[in-house]
C-alpha cells in the first residue's frame, strides 16, 4: 500500500560535526614546511646548476690555456734545440780556426826550440787536443835536458814529462840516444800594454825683463 505525506513536513538535514582548529594546525604547518623545503631545494638546485655551468666554462678555458701553453712549450724546446745545434756549430768552427792558427804557431815554436838545441833532431810529433807527444834522437842526454829546458822557457808548454830516454842500440857507428816526452800546450796569453804615465808639463818660466 502506498502512503502519501500530505503534511509536507521537512526532512531533517544531516548535521556536520565541527573540526577543532587545534587538530588541523599541525597539518597546515607540515604543508608550509614542506612547501618551504621544496622552495629552498629548488633555489639551491638552480644555484648549484648555475655554479656548475660556470665551473664547466672555467674548465674549458683552462684546457684551452693548457693547450696554448703546451704549444708554446714545444716551440721553446724547438728553439732551444736549434740554439744548441748552432752553438755546437759555432764552437766547432772556432775550434777549427784556433787549431789552424795554433798549428803553425806550434810548429814555429818547436822548430825554434830545436834550432836552439845542439845535436838533437825530432822523428815524430803527435798532437791530440792540447796534449803533445814528441819522439826524437840526440847525441847525448845533455842535449835532451837542454831541449826540455828550451821548451819550458818558450812559455808555450807546461807539464813537460820525459817518458823514455835510452841509448840507440841500432846505431853502432856513433853513439845516439832516443827519447820520448809529453807536454801540454798552453799558449801564452797576450800581454796587454800598460799605458805610459803622462807627465804633467809645467809652463816654461817667463823671460826676465831687461832693465
Protein backbone atom coordinates (compact mmCIF):
# COMPACT_ATOMS: atom_id res chain seq x y z
CA UNK A 1 0.00 0.00 0.00
CA UNK A 2 1.31 3.49 -0.95
CA UNK A 3 1.46 6.20 1.66
CA UNK A 4 1.38 9.88 0.69
CA UNK A 5 2.66 12.52 3.02
CA UNK A 6 0.17 15.35 2.71
CA UNK A 7 1.57 17.43 5.52
CA UNK A 8 4.79 18.19 3.56
CA UNK A 9 6.91 18.13 6.64
CA UNK A 10 10.56 18.94 6.02
CA UNK A 11 13.04 16.15 6.43
CA UNK A 12 15.71 16.81 8.96
CA UNK A 13 19.14 17.69 7.31
CA UNK A 14 22.21 15.81 8.43
CA UNK A 15 24.40 17.91 10.66
CA UNK A 16 28.26 18.07 10.21
CA UNK A 17 30.49 17.94 13.18
CA UNK A 18 32.86 20.96 13.52
CA UNK A 19 36.54 20.04 13.43
CA UNK A 20 38.50 21.82 16.11
CA UNK A 21 41.31 24.23 14.86
CA UNK A 22 43.92 22.64 17.06
CA UNK A 23 43.69 19.39 15.16
CA UNK A 24 44.30 20.99 11.69
CA UNK A 25 47.15 23.32 12.70
CA UNK A 26 49.89 20.66 12.67
CA UNK A 27 48.84 19.57 9.20
CA UNK A 28 48.99 23.13 7.95
CA UNK A 29 52.42 23.62 9.46
CA UNK A 30 53.63 20.42 7.84
CA UNK A 31 52.39 21.59 4.45
CA UNK A 32 54.00 25.01 4.88
CA UNK A 33 57.28 23.43 5.95
CA UNK A 34 57.16 21.03 3.01
CA UNK A 35 56.49 23.88 0.59
CA UNK A 36 59.34 25.94 2.08
CA UNK A 37 61.68 22.96 1.86
CA UNK A 38 60.74 22.42 -1.77
CA UNK A 39 61.35 26.13 -2.48
CA UNK A 40 64.74 26.03 -0.75
CA UNK A 41 65.73 22.87 -2.64
CA UNK A 42 64.63 24.42 -5.93
CA UNK A 43 66.65 27.62 -5.29
CA UNK A 44 69.67 25.57 -4.19
CA UNK A 45 69.40 23.34 -7.24
CA UNK A 46 69.25 26.25 -9.66
CA UNK A 47 72.14 27.99 -7.88
CA UNK A 48 74.26 24.83 -7.97
CA UNK A 49 73.36 24.29 -11.61
CA UNK A 50 74.45 27.86 -12.35
CA UNK A 51 77.71 27.38 -10.44
CA UNK A 52 78.29 24.07 -12.21
CA UNK A 53 77.88 25.78 -15.57
CA UNK A 54 80.45 28.40 -14.55
CA UNK A 55 82.86 25.68 -13.47
CA UNK A 56 82.41 23.92 -16.83
CA UNK A 57 83.24 27.17 -18.61
CA UNK A 58 86.25 27.65 -16.35
CA UNK A 59 87.46 24.11 -17.04
CA UNK A 60 87.02 24.70 -20.76
CA UNK A 61 89.03 27.93 -20.53
CA UNK A 62 91.78 26.24 -18.51
CA UNK A 63 92.01 23.42 -21.05
CA UNK A 64 92.37 25.97 -23.84
CA UNK A 65 95.11 27.76 -21.88
CA UNK A 66 96.83 24.43 -21.23
CA UNK A 67 96.79 23.66 -24.95
CA UNK A 68 98.32 27.07 -25.70
CA UNK A 69 101.00 26.59 -23.04
CA UNK A 70 101.89 23.15 -24.40
CA UNK A 71 102.22 24.64 -27.88
CA UNK A 72 104.43 27.44 -26.56
CA UNK A 73 106.49 24.87 -24.62
CA UNK A 74 107.07 22.84 -27.77
CA UNK A 75 108.10 25.98 -29.65
CA UNK A 76 110.54 26.93 -26.86
CA UNK A 77 112.03 23.41 -26.81
CA UNK A 78 112.45 23.50 -30.59
CA UNK A 79 114.13 26.91 -30.31
CA UNK A 80 116.45 25.65 -27.56
CA UNK A 81 117.42 22.64 -29.68
CA UNK A 82 118.17 24.86 -32.67
CA UNK A 83 120.15 27.21 -30.43
CA UNK A 84 122.17 24.28 -29.03
CA UNK A 85 122.92 22.99 -32.54
CA UNK A 86 124.02 26.45 -33.68
CA UNK A 87 126.23 26.85 -30.62
CA UNK A 88 127.85 23.49 -31.33
CA UNK A 89 128.50 24.52 -34.94
CA UNK A 90 129.97 27.83 -33.84
CA UNK A 91 132.18 26.05 -31.28
CA UNK A 92 133.43 23.62 -33.94
CA UNK A 93 134.20 26.47 -36.35
CA UNK A 94 136.01 28.44 -33.63
CA UNK A 95 137.99 25.35 -32.61
CA UNK A 96 138.99 24.73 -36.24
CA UNK A 97 140.14 28.31 -36.58
CA UNK A 98 142.14 28.08 -33.35
CA UNK A 99 143.69 24.81 -34.46
CA UNK A 100 144.59 26.26 -37.84
CA UNK A 101 146.26 29.30 -36.30
CA UNK A 102 147.72 27.32 -33.39
CA UNK A 103 149.16 24.61 -35.66
CA UNK A 104 151.51 26.97 -37.46
CA UNK A 105 152.43 28.69 -34.22
CA UNK A 106 153.13 25.30 -32.61
CA UNK A 107 155.40 24.23 -35.47
CA UNK A 108 157.29 27.52 -35.35
CA UNK A 109 157.78 27.27 -31.58
CA UNK A 110 159.03 23.68 -31.73
CA UNK A 111 161.31 24.46 -34.68
CA UNK A 112 162.85 27.42 -32.86
CA UNK A 113 163.33 25.29 -29.75
CA UNK A 114 165.07 22.53 -31.71
CA UNK A 115 167.28 25.06 -33.50
CA UNK A 116 168.48 26.37 -30.11
CA UNK A 117 169.43 22.84 -29.02
CA UNK A 118 172.62 21.28 -30.39
CA UNK A 119 172.90 17.69 -31.61
CA UNK A 120 169.16 16.93 -31.39
CA UNK A 121 166.52 16.19 -34.01
CA UNK A 122 162.88 15.08 -33.89
CA UNK A 123 161.50 11.99 -35.57
CA UNK A 124 157.75 12.40 -34.85
CA UNK A 125 155.32 14.77 -33.18
CA UNK A 126 151.65 13.90 -32.49
CA UNK A 127 149.06 16.32 -31.15
CA UNK A 128 145.77 15.22 -29.56
CA UNK A 129 143.86 18.20 -28.34
CA UNK A 130 146.21 20.08 -26.04
CA UNK A 131 148.43 17.03 -25.45
CA UNK A 132 151.64 16.77 -27.47
CA UNK A 133 153.87 13.67 -27.85
CA UNK A 134 157.39 14.11 -29.19
CA UNK A 135 159.87 11.43 -30.26
CA UNK A 136 163.42 12.25 -31.21
CA UNK A 137 167.10 11.40 -31.10
CA UNK A 138 170.08 13.22 -29.63
CA UNK A 139 173.82 12.81 -29.40
CA UNK A 140 173.73 12.93 -25.61
CA UNK A 141 171.38 13.04 -22.69
CA UNK A 142 172.53 16.59 -22.01
CA UNK A 143 171.03 17.61 -25.33
CA UNK A 144 167.70 16.10 -24.28
CA UNK A 145 167.84 18.01 -21.00
CA UNK A 146 168.68 21.24 -22.85
CA UNK A 147 165.75 20.63 -25.20
CA UNK A 148 163.36 20.25 -22.24
CA UNK A 149 164.77 23.46 -20.76
CA UNK A 150 164.14 25.32 -24.01
CA UNK A 151 160.58 24.02 -24.15
CA UNK A 152 159.94 25.35 -20.66
CA UNK A 153 161.48 28.71 -21.49
CA UNK A 154 159.27 29.12 -24.55
CA UNK A 155 156.23 29.54 -22.31
CA UNK A 156 154.19 27.59 -24.84
CA UNK A 157 154.27 24.26 -22.97
CA UNK A 158 153.59 23.05 -19.47
CA UNK A 159 153.72 19.71 -17.62
CA UNK A 160 156.67 18.52 -19.70
CA UNK A 161 157.48 14.92 -18.78
CA UNK A 162 160.18 12.64 -20.14
CA UNK A 163 158.66 9.23 -20.90
CA UNK A 164 161.73 7.35 -22.07
CA UNK A 165 165.37 8.05 -22.83
CA UNK A 166 167.84 5.32 -23.75
CA UNK A 167 170.80 4.61 -25.97
CA UNK A 168 170.00 3.59 -29.50
CA UNK A 169 171.45 0.10 -29.90
CA UNK A 170 170.79 0.07 -33.64
CA UNK A 171 173.28 2.83 -34.28
CA UNK A 172 176.77 1.35 -33.92
CA UNK A 173 178.77 3.94 -35.85
CA UNK A 174 178.00 6.80 -33.50
CA UNK A 175 176.50 6.96 -30.03
CA UNK A 176 172.92 8.30 -30.07
CA UNK A 177 170.05 8.35 -27.64
CA UNK A 178 166.33 8.11 -28.37
CA UNK A 179 163.79 9.86 -26.20
CA UNK A 180 160.06 10.27 -25.81
CA UNK A 181 158.39 13.11 -23.94
CA UNK A 182 154.93 14.58 -23.49
CA UNK A 183 153.75 18.11 -22.87
CA UNK A 184 150.57 20.11 -22.58
CA UNK A 185 150.10 23.01 -24.96
CA UNK A 186 149.38 26.25 -23.15
CA UNK A 187 149.90 29.22 -25.47
CA UNK A 188 150.87 32.33 -23.53
CA UNK A 189 148.15 34.91 -23.14
CA UNK A 190 148.71 38.18 -24.97
CA UNK A 191 150.18 40.79 -22.67
CA UNK A 192 148.14 43.96 -22.56
CA UNK A 193 150.33 47.01 -22.89
CA UNK A 194 150.20 49.27 -19.88
CA UNK A 195 149.79 52.89 -20.99
CA UNK A 196 152.73 55.02 -20.02
CA UNK A 197 152.11 57.59 -17.33
CA UNK A 198 151.68 61.00 -18.86
CA UNK A 199 153.97 63.54 -17.30
CA UNK A 200 152.36 66.83 -16.40
CA UNK A 201 154.05 69.58 -18.36
CA UNK A 202 154.88 72.67 -16.41
CA UNK A 203 154.68 76.05 -18.09
CA UNK A 204 158.05 77.50 -19.04
CA UNK A 205 159.14 80.43 -16.87
CA UNK A 206 158.62 83.83 -18.42
CA UNK A 207 161.79 85.54 -19.65
CA UNK A 208 163.14 88.18 -17.34
CA UNK A 209 162.57 91.73 -18.41
CA UNK A 210 165.60 93.76 -19.28
CA UNK A 211 166.03 96.90 -17.18
